[in-house]
């Protein structure tokens, strides 16, 4: 794997880890995640994962909407 791909993968892993901790904090499960040995239940892990997915989907939808808006603005500018 090339250097750029390694950096991209590492950056993505860091972003997901940050999202995991942010979500756990919002759910009041930060302590459980920090001591994740046997103390993190399947339900708690599912809550964190489910909320992470919701956030990722929302971020993706927002990115697509922004991209659509940007393209629409560019098309309007081309018409003049």
PDB file of N, CA and C in Angstrom:
ATOM      1  N   UNK A   1       0.841  -1.166   0.000  1.00  0.00           N
ATOM      2  CA  UNK A   1       0.000   0.000   0.000  1.00  0.00           C
ATOM      3  C   UNK A   1       0.892   1.237   0.000  1.00  0.00           C
ATOM      4  N   UNK A   2       0.497   2.252  -0.744  1.00  0.00           N
ATOM      5  CA  UNK A   2       1.283   3.469  -0.844  1.00  0.00           C
ATOM      6  C   UNK A   2       1.176   4.327   0.397  1.00  0.00           C
ATOM      7  N   UNK A   3       2.100   5.271   0.493  1.00  0.00           N
ATOM      8  CA  UNK A   3       2.162   6.172   1.655  1.00  0.00           C
ATOM      9  C   UNK A   3       0.862   6.954   1.827  1.00  0.00           C
ATOM     10  N   UNK A   4       0.300   7.460   0.730  1.00  0.00           N
ATOM     11  CA  UNK A   4      -0.941   8.237   0.797  1.00  0.00           C
ATOM     12  C   UNK A   4      -2.099   7.381   1.300  1.00  0.00           C
ATOM     13  N   UNK A   5      -2.189   6.150   0.818  1.00  0.00           N
ATOM     14  CA  UNK A   5      -3.265   5.258   1.264  1.00  0.00           C
ATOM     15  C   UNK A   5      -3.122   4.946   2.750  1.00  0.00           C
ATOM     16  N   UNK A   6      -1.883   4.759   3.217  1.00  0.00           N
ATOM     17  CA  UNK A   6      -1.651   4.513   4.642  1.00  0.00           C
ATOM     18  C   UNK A   6      -2.129   5.701   5.460  1.00  0.00           C
ATOM     19  N   UNK A   7      -1.789   6.914   5.009  1.00  0.00           N
ATOM     20  CA  UNK A   7      -2.201   8.121   5.723  1.00  0.00           C
ATOM     21  C   UNK A   7      -3.717   8.281   5.715  1.00  0.00           C
ATOM     22  N   UNK A   8      -4.351   8.005   4.586  1.00  0.00           N
ATOM     23  CA  UNK A   8      -5.807   8.108   4.487  1.00  0.00           C
ATOM     24  C   UNK A   8      -6.484   7.120   5.424  1.00  0.00           C
ATOM     25  N   UNK A   9      -5.970   5.899   5.467  1.00  0.00           N
ATOM     26  CA  UNK A   9      -6.542   4.866   6.340  1.00  0.00           C
ATOM     27  C   UNK A   9      -6.386   5.266   7.806  1.00  0.00           C
ATOM     28  N   UNK A  10      -5.222   5.760   8.167  1.00  0.00           N
ATOM     29  CA  UNK A  10      -4.965   6.174   9.541  1.00  0.00           C
ATOM     30  C   UNK A  10      -5.862   7.350   9.921  1.00  0.00           C
ATOM     31  N   UNK A  11      -6.024   8.310   9.020  1.00  0.00           N
ATOM     32  CA  UNK A  11      -6.884   9.463   9.260  1.00  0.00           C
ATOM     33  C   UNK A  11      -8.329   9.018   9.464  1.00  0.00           C
ATOM     34  N   UNK A  12      -8.791   8.084   8.641  1.00  0.00           N
ATOM     35  CA  UNK A  12     -10.156   7.576   8.765  1.00  0.00           C
ATOM     36  C   UNK A  12     -10.344   6.858  10.090  1.00  0.00           C
ATOM     37  N   UNK A  13      -9.374   6.060  10.492  1.00  0.00           N
ATOM     38  CA  UNK A  13      -9.467   5.346  11.766  1.00  0.00           C
ATOM     39  C   UNK A  13      -9.527   6.325  12.927  1.00  0.00           C
ATOM     40  N   UNK A  14      -8.722   7.377  12.870  1.00  0.00           N
ATOM     41  CA  UNK A  14      -8.738   8.396  13.929  1.00  0.00           C
ATOM     42  C   UNK A  14     -10.086   9.102  13.983  1.00  0.00           C
ATOM     43  N   UNK A  15     -10.639   9.431  12.818  1.00  0.00           N
ATOM     44  CA  UNK A  15     -11.932  10.114  12.773  1.00  0.00           C
ATOM     45  C   UNK A  15     -13.029   9.224  13.347  1.00  0.00           C
ATOM     46  N   UNK A  16     -13.006   7.953  13.018  1.00  0.00           N
ATOM     47  CA  UNK A  16     -14.006   7.024  13.554  1.00  0.00           C
ATOM     48  C   UNK A  16     -13.846   6.848  15.061  1.00  0.00           C
ATOM     49  N   UNK A  17     -12.603   6.819  15.520  1.00  0.00           N
ATOM     50  CA  UNK A  17     -12.356   6.687  16.948  1.00  0.00           C
ATOM     51  C   UNK A  17     -12.879   7.917  17.685  1.00  0.00           C
ATOM     52  N   UNK A  18     -12.628   9.109  17.128  1.00  0.00           N
ATOM     53  CA  UNK A  18     -13.152  10.341  17.728  1.00  0.00           C
ATOM     54  C   UNK A  18     -14.674  10.318  17.777  1.00  0.00           C
ATOM     55  N   UNK A  19     -15.287   9.869  16.684  1.00  0.00           N
ATOM     56  CA  UNK A  19     -16.740   9.780  16.620  1.00  0.00           C
ATOM     57  C   UNK A  19     -17.269   8.802  17.667  1.00  0.00           C
ATOM     58  N   UNK A  20     -16.568   7.684  17.847  1.00  0.00           N
ATOM     59  CA  UNK A  20     -16.975   6.688  18.842  1.00  0.00           C
ATOM     60  C   UNK A  20     -16.953   7.307  20.239  1.00  0.00           C
ATOM     61  N   UNK A  21     -15.886   8.006  20.581  1.00  0.00           N
ATOM     62  CA  UNK A  21     -15.770   8.609  21.907  1.00  0.00           C
ATOM     63  C   UNK A  21     -16.781   9.732  22.099  1.00  0.00           C
ATOM     64  N   UNK A  22     -16.993  10.518  21.067  1.00  0.00           N
ATOM     65  CA  UNK A  22     -17.983  11.599  21.137  1.00  0.00           C
ATOM     66  C   UNK A  22     -19.384  11.027  21.384  1.00  0.00           C
ATOM     67  N   UNK A  23     -19.714   9.979  20.663  1.00  0.00           N
ATOM     68  CA  UNK A  23     -21.019   9.345  20.805  1.00  0.00           C
ATOM     69  C   UNK A  23     -21.170   8.728  22.195  1.00  0.00           C
ATOM     70  N   UNK A  24     -20.139   8.049  22.661  1.00  0.00           N
ATOM     71  CA  UNK A  24     -20.181   7.437  23.999  1.00  0.00           C
ATOM     72  C   UNK A  24     -20.380   8.514  25.067  1.00  0.00           C
ATOM     73  N   UNK A  25     -19.708   9.641  24.903  1.00  0.00           N
ATOM     74  CA  UNK A  25     -19.847  10.737  25.867  1.00  0.00           C
ATOM     75  C   UNK A  25     -21.282  11.266  25.869  1.00  0.00           C
ATOM     76  N   UNK A  26     -21.856  11.460  24.685  1.00  0.00           N
ATOM     77  CA  UNK A  26     -23.227  11.954  24.582  1.00  0.00           C
ATOM     78  C   UNK A  26     -24.221  11.000  25.233  1.00  0.00           C
ATOM     79  N   UNK A  27     -23.935   9.710  25.182  1.00  0.00           N
ATOM     80  CA  UNK A  27     -24.828   8.701  25.750  1.00  0.00           C
ATOM     81  C   UNK A  27     -24.523   8.408  27.218  1.00  0.00           C
ATOM     82  N   UNK A  28     -23.509   9.072  27.762  1.00  0.00           N
ATOM     83  CA  UNK A  28     -23.124   8.819  29.148  1.00  0.00           C
ATOM     84  C   UNK A  28     -22.411   7.491  29.327  1.00  0.00           C
ATOM     85  N   UNK A  29     -21.813   6.982  28.273  1.00  0.00           N
ATOM     86  CA  UNK A  29     -21.140   5.684  28.323  1.00  0.00           C
ATOM     87  C   UNK A  29     -19.626   5.808  28.194  1.00  0.00           C
ATOM     88  N   UNK A  30     -19.117   7.021  28.355  1.00  0.00           N
ATOM     89  CA  UNK A  30     -17.675   7.252  28.180  1.00  0.00           C
ATOM     90  C   UNK A  30     -16.849   6.426  29.165  1.00  0.00           C
ATOM     91  N   UNK A  31     -17.283   6.382  30.422  1.00  0.00           N
ATOM     92  CA  UNK A  31     -16.557   5.586  31.424  1.00  0.00           C
ATOM     93  C   UNK A  31     -16.567   4.116  31.068  1.00  0.00           C
ATOM     94  N   UNK A  32     -17.724   3.641  30.588  1.00  0.00           N
ATOM     95  CA  UNK A  32     -17.816   2.235  30.205  1.00  0.00           C
ATOM     96  C   UNK A  32     -16.889   1.924  29.034  1.00  0.00           C
ATOM     97  N   UNK A  33     -16.794   2.847  28.103  1.00  0.00           N
ATOM     98  CA  UNK A  33     -15.933   2.634  26.940  1.00  0.00           C
ATOM     99  C   UNK A  33     -14.462   2.654  27.347  1.00  0.00           C
ATOM    100  N   UNK A  34     -14.128   3.519  28.289  1.00  0.00           N
ATOM    101  CA  UNK A  34     -12.741   3.606  28.757  1.00  0.00           C
ATOM    102  C   UNK A  34     -12.324   2.313  29.457  1.00  0.00           C
ATOM    103  N   UNK A  35     -13.271   1.677  30.140  1.00  0.00           N
ATOM    104  CA  UNK A  35     -12.995   0.416  30.846  1.00  0.00           C
ATOM    105  C   UNK A  35     -13.699  -0.717  30.127  1.00  0.00           C
ATOM    106  N   UNK A  36     -13.526  -0.771  28.829  1.00  0.00           N
ATOM    107  CA  UNK A  36     -14.344  -1.633  27.977  1.00  0.00           C
ATOM    108  C   UNK A  36     -14.128  -3.123  28.163  1.00  0.00           C
ATOM    109  N   UNK A  37     -13.247  -3.538  29.010  1.00  0.00           N
ATOM    110  CA  UNK A  37     -13.024  -4.964  29.215  1.00  0.00           C
ATOM    111  C   UNK A  37     -14.301  -5.765  29.151  1.00  0.00           C
ATOM    112  N   UNK A  38     -14.786  -6.231  30.273  1.00  0.00           N
ATOM    113  CA  UNK A  38     -16.027  -7.003  30.330  1.00  0.00           C
ATOM    114  C   UNK A  38     -17.223  -6.118  30.675  1.00  0.00           C
ATOM    115  N   UNK A  39     -16.987  -4.840  30.919  1.00  0.00           N
ATOM    116  CA  UNK A  39     -18.045  -3.981  31.425  1.00  0.00           C
ATOM    117  C   UNK A  39     -18.941  -3.390  30.346  1.00  0.00           C
ATOM    118  N   UNK A  40     -18.506  -3.365  29.112  1.00  0.00           N
ATOM    119  CA  UNK A  40     -19.315  -2.804  28.033  1.00  0.00           C
ATOM    120  C   UNK A  40     -20.265  -3.891  27.534  1.00  0.00           C
ATOM    121  N   UNK A  41     -21.558  -3.679  27.786  1.00  0.00           N
ATOM    122  CA  UNK A  41     -22.529  -4.686  27.380  1.00  0.00           C
ATOM    123  C   UNK A  41     -22.782  -4.609  25.882  1.00  0.00           C
ATOM    124  N   UNK A  42     -23.381  -5.645  25.366  1.00  0.00           N
ATOM    125  CA  UNK A  42     -23.738  -5.673  23.948  1.00  0.00           C
ATOM    126  C   UNK A  42     -24.698  -4.529  23.646  1.00  0.00           C
ATOM    127  N   UNK A  43     -25.597  -4.283  24.561  1.00  0.00           N
ATOM    128  CA  UNK A  43     -26.564  -3.193  24.377  1.00  0.00           C
ATOM    129  C   UNK A  43     -25.859  -1.838  24.298  1.00  0.00           C
ATOM    130  N   UNK A  44     -24.907  -1.597  25.201  1.00  0.00           N
ATOM    131  CA  UNK A  44     -24.165  -0.334  25.198  1.00  0.00           C
ATOM    132  C   UNK A  44     -23.351  -0.190  23.918  1.00  0.00           C
ATOM    133  N   UNK A  45     -22.690  -1.270  23.526  1.00  0.00           N
ATOM    134  CA  UNK A  45     -21.898  -1.229  22.289  1.00  0.00           C
ATOM    135  C   UNK A  45     -22.819  -0.970  21.090  1.00  0.00           C
ATOM    136  N   UNK A  46     -23.991  -1.577  21.108  1.00  0.00           N
ATOM    137  CA  UNK A  46     -24.956  -1.364  20.035  1.00  0.00           C
ATOM    138  C   UNK A  46     -25.455   0.068  19.994  1.00  0.00           C
ATOM    139  N   UNK A  47     -25.667   0.654  21.171  1.00  0.00           N
ATOM    140  CA  UNK A  47     -26.088   2.049  21.240  1.00  0.00           C
ATOM    141  C   UNK A  47     -25.043   2.963  20.611  1.00  0.00           C
ATOM    142  N   UNK A  48     -23.795   2.736  20.999  1.00  0.00           N
ATOM    143  CA  UNK A  48     -22.703   3.557  20.465  1.00  0.00           C
ATOM    144  C   UNK A  48     -22.611   3.372  18.959  1.00  0.00           C
ATOM    145  N   UNK A  49     -22.596   2.130  18.516  1.00  0.00           N
ATOM    146  CA  UNK A  49     -22.487   1.847  17.082  1.00  0.00           C
ATOM    147  C   UNK A  49     -23.662   2.393  16.285  1.00  0.00           C
ATOM    148  N   UNK A  50     -24.860   2.212  16.807  1.00  0.00           N
ATOM    149  CA  UNK A  50     -26.048   2.704  16.121  1.00  0.00           C
ATOM    150  C   UNK A  50     -26.057   4.211  15.984  1.00  0.00           C
ATOM    151  N   UNK A  51     -25.672   4.896  17.050  1.00  0.00           N
ATOM    152  CA  UNK A  51     -25.618   6.351  16.998  1.00  0.00           C
ATOM    153  C   UNK A  51     -24.502   6.839  16.087  1.00  0.00           C
ATOM    154  N   UNK A  52     -23.396   6.118  16.065  1.00  0.00           N
ATOM    155  CA  UNK A  52     -22.308   6.472  15.132  1.00  0.00           C
ATOM    156  C   UNK A  52     -22.803   6.378  13.699  1.00  0.00           C
ATOM    157  N   UNK A  53     -23.525   5.308  13.387  1.00  0.00           N
ATOM    158  CA  UNK A  53     -24.045   5.120  12.030  1.00  0.00           C
ATOM    159  C   UNK A  53     -25.010   6.247  11.679  1.00  0.00           C
ATOM    160  N   UNK A  54     -25.891   6.609  12.623  1.00  0.00           N
ATOM    161  CA  UNK A  54     -26.825   7.718  12.363  1.00  0.00           C
ATOM    162  C   UNK A  54     -26.068   9.003  12.054  1.00  0.00           C
ATOM    163  N   UNK A  55     -25.023   9.277  12.834  1.00  0.00           N
ATOM    164  CA  UNK A  55     -24.230  10.488  12.607  1.00  0.00           C
ATOM    165  C   UNK A  55     -23.525  10.441  11.258  1.00  0.00           C
ATOM    166  N   UNK A  56     -22.985   9.278  10.908  1.00  0.00           N
ATOM    167  CA  UNK A  56     -22.291   9.149   9.622  1.00  0.00           C
ATOM    168  C   UNK A  56     -23.261   9.315   8.457  1.00  0.00           C
ATOM    169  N   UNK A  57     -24.456   8.753   8.576  1.00  0.00           N
ATOM    170  CA  UNK A  57     -25.463   8.893   7.521  1.00  0.00           C
ATOM    171  C   UNK A  57     -25.870  10.357   7.388  1.00  0.00           C
ATOM    172  N   UNK A  58     -26.088  11.023   8.524  1.00  0.00           N
ATOM    173  CA  UNK A  58     -26.471  12.434   8.496  1.00  0.00           C
ATOM    174  C   UNK A  58     -25.364  13.276   7.855  1.00  0.00           C
ATOM    175  N   UNK A  59     -24.119  13.008   8.230  1.00  0.00           N
ATOM    176  CA  UNK A  59     -23.000  13.751   7.647  1.00  0.00           C
ATOM    177  C   UNK A  59     -22.910  13.502   6.145  1.00  0.00           C
ATOM    178  N   UNK A  60     -23.148  12.269   5.720  1.00  0.00           N
ATOM    179  CA  UNK A  60     -23.133  11.944   4.294  1.00  0.00           C
ATOM    180  C   UNK A  60     -24.244  12.645   3.546  1.00  0.00           C
ATOM    181  N   UNK A  61     -25.432  12.658   4.136  1.00  0.00           N
ATOM    182  CA  UNK A  61     -26.560  13.346   3.506  1.00  0.00           C
ATOM    183  C   UNK A  61     -26.281  14.837   3.372  1.00  0.00           C
ATOM    184  N   UNK A  62     -25.710  15.425   4.434  1.00  0.00           N
ATOM    185  CA  UNK A  62     -25.380  16.856   4.391  1.00  0.00           C
ATOM    186  C   UNK A  62     -24.321  17.132   3.322  1.00  0.00           C
ATOM    187  N   UNK A  63     -23.323  16.259   3.231  1.00  0.00           N
ATOM    188  CA  UNK A  63     -22.278  16.435   2.224  1.00  0.00           C
ATOM    189  C   UNK A  63     -22.862  16.347   0.817  1.00  0.00           C
ATOM    190  N   UNK A  64     -23.780  15.391   0.605  1.00  0.00           N
ATOM    191  CA  UNK A  64     -24.416  15.264  -0.704  1.00  0.00           C
ATOM    192  C   UNK A  64     -25.270  16.493  -1.027  1.00  0.00           C
ATOM    193  N   UNK A  65     -25.980  16.990  -0.029  1.00  0.00           N
ATOM    194  CA  UNK A  65     -26.811  18.180  -0.241  1.00  0.00           C
ATOM    195  C   UNK A  65     -25.941  19.386  -0.577  1.00  0.00           C
ATOM    196  N   UNK A  66     -24.830  19.543   0.152  1.00  0.00           N
ATOM    197  CA  UNK A  66     -23.914  20.657  -0.122  1.00  0.00           C
ATOM    198  C   UNK A  66     -23.323  20.528  -1.522  1.00  0.00           C
ATOM    199  N   UNK A  67     -22.968  19.315  -1.906  1.00  0.00           N
ATOM    200  CA  UNK A  67     -22.411  19.090  -3.244  1.00  0.00           C
ATOM    201  C   UNK A  67     -23.457  19.418  -4.305  1.00  0.00           C
ATOM    202  N   UNK A  68     -24.707  19.013  -4.073  1.00  0.00           N
ATOM    203  CA  UNK A  68     -25.781  19.328  -5.010  1.00  0.00           C
ATOM    204  C   UNK A  68     -26.004  20.824  -5.111  1.00  0.00           C
ATOM    205  N   UNK A  69     -25.980  21.518  -3.962  1.00  0.00           N
ATOM    206  CA  UNK A  69     -26.129  22.973  -3.968  1.00  0.00           C
ATOM    207  C   UNK A  69     -24.981  23.633  -4.723  1.00  0.00           C
ATOM    208  N   UNK A  70     -23.770  23.146  -4.498  1.00  0.00           N
ATOM    209  CA  UNK A  70     -22.600  23.719  -5.167  1.00  0.00           C
ATOM    210  C   UNK A  70     -22.705  23.541  -6.677  1.00  0.00           C
ATOM    211  N   UNK A  71     -23.100  22.343  -7.094  1.00  0.00           N
ATOM    212  CA  UNK A  71     -23.243  22.081  -8.525  1.00  0.00           C
ATOM    213  C   UNK A  71     -24.356  22.929  -9.121  1.00  0.00           C
ATOM    214  N   UNK A  72     -25.449  23.102  -8.381  1.00  0.00           N
ATOM    215  CA  UNK A  72     -26.551  23.936  -8.872  1.00  0.00           C
ATOM    216  C   UNK A  72     -26.090  25.379  -9.043  1.00  0.00           C
ATOM    217  N   UNK A  73     -25.329  25.884  -8.084  1.00  0.00           N
ATOM    218  CA  UNK A  73     -24.813  27.261  -8.199  1.00  0.00           C
ATOM    219  C   UNK A  73     -23.891  27.390  -9.394  1.00  0.00           C
ATOM    220  N   UNK A  74     -23.042  26.386  -9.602  1.00  0.00           N
ATOM    221  CA  UNK A  74     -22.131  26.428 -10.749  1.00  0.00           C
ATOM    222  C   UNK A  74     -22.902  26.398 -12.057  1.00  0.00           C
ATOM    223  N   UNK A  75     -23.942  25.587 -12.114  1.00  0.00           N
ATOM    224  CA  UNK A  75     -24.767  25.524 -13.335  1.00  0.00           C
ATOM    225  C   UNK A  75     -25.473  26.837 -13.590  1.00  0.00           C
ATOM    226  N   UNK A  76     -25.933  27.488 -12.536  1.00  0.00           N
ATOM    227  CA  UNK A  76     -26.581  28.785 -12.708  1.00  0.00           C
ATOM    228  C   UNK A  76     -25.593  29.829 -13.214  1.00  0.00           C
ATOM    229  N   UNK A  77     -24.368  29.770 -12.715  1.00  0.00           N
ATOM    230  CA  UNK A  77     -23.344  30.718 -13.159  1.00  0.00           C
ATOM    231  C   UNK A  77     -22.985  30.480 -14.623  1.00  0.00           C
ATOM    232  N   UNK A  78     -22.997  29.234 -15.062  1.00  0.00           N
ATOM    233  CA  UNK A  78     -22.662  28.912 -16.445  1.00  0.00           C
ATOM    234  C   UNK A  78     -23.726  29.425 -17.407  1.00  0.00           C
ATOM    235  N   UNK A  79     -24.975  29.555 -16.927  1.00  0.00           N
ATOM    236  CA  UNK A  79     -26.072  29.987 -17.775  1.00  0.00           C
ATOM    237  C   UNK A  79     -26.002  31.465 -18.110  1.00  0.00           C
ATOM    238  N   UNK A  80     -25.268  32.234 -17.344  1.00  0.00           N
ATOM    239  CA  UNK A  80     -25.202  33.688 -17.597  1.00  0.00           C
ATOM    240  C   UNK A  80     -24.197  34.031 -18.618  1.00  0.00           C
TER     241      UNK A  80
END
